[in-house]
Protein backbone atom coordinates (compact mmCIF):
# COMPACT_ATOMS: atom_id res chain seq x y z
CA UNK A 1 105.15 -11.60 3.69
CA UNK A 2 101.63 -11.21 5.04
CA UNK A 3 101.96 -7.44 4.82
CA UNK A 4 102.64 -7.59 1.08
CA UNK A 5 99.38 -9.50 0.50
CA UNK A 6 97.43 -6.98 2.60
CA UNK A 7 97.60 -4.21 0.00
CA UNK A 8 94.76 -1.66 0.19
CA UNK A 9 92.60 -1.58 -2.98
CA UNK A 10 92.70 2.23 -2.92
CA UNK A 11 96.31 2.19 -4.10
CA UNK A 12 95.37 -0.03 -7.04
CA UNK A 13 92.74 2.46 -8.21
CA UNK A 14 95.20 5.35 -7.95
CA UNK A 15 97.65 3.45 -10.15
CA UNK A 16 94.95 2.33 -12.58
CA UNK A 17 93.67 5.87 -13.24
CA UNK A 18 96.88 7.15 -14.91
CA UNK A 19 97.43 3.71 -16.42
CA UNK A 20 94.12 3.90 -18.30
CA UNK A 21 95.01 7.35 -19.63
CA UNK A 22 98.39 6.07 -20.85
CA UNK A 23 96.78 3.05 -22.51
CA UNK A 24 94.16 5.27 -24.11
CA UNK A 25 96.96 6.87 -26.13
CA UNK A 26 98.22 3.58 -27.58
CA UNK A 27 94.72 2.12 -27.79
CA UNK A 28 94.75 -1.08 -29.84
CA UNK A 29 98.53 -1.34 -29.51
CA UNK A 30 98.20 -1.83 -25.76
CA UNK A 31 94.87 -3.66 -25.80
CA UNK A 32 94.65 -2.78 -22.11
CA UNK A 33 93.24 0.68 -22.84
CA UNK A 34 90.36 -0.57 -24.98
CA UNK A 35 89.39 -3.01 -22.24
CA UNK A 36 89.62 -0.34 -19.53
CA UNK A 37 87.54 2.15 -21.53
CA UNK A 38 85.02 -0.55 -22.44
CA UNK A 39 84.97 0.05 -26.20
């Protein structure tokens, strides 16, 4: 259980990069993209 909590932040950034691009496509529909871009 302790190992699951000790997740390196690097992995999160790698997942967030493509996630932002995907959200950018939907934009307002997702709401996540606009927040990530900072519009």
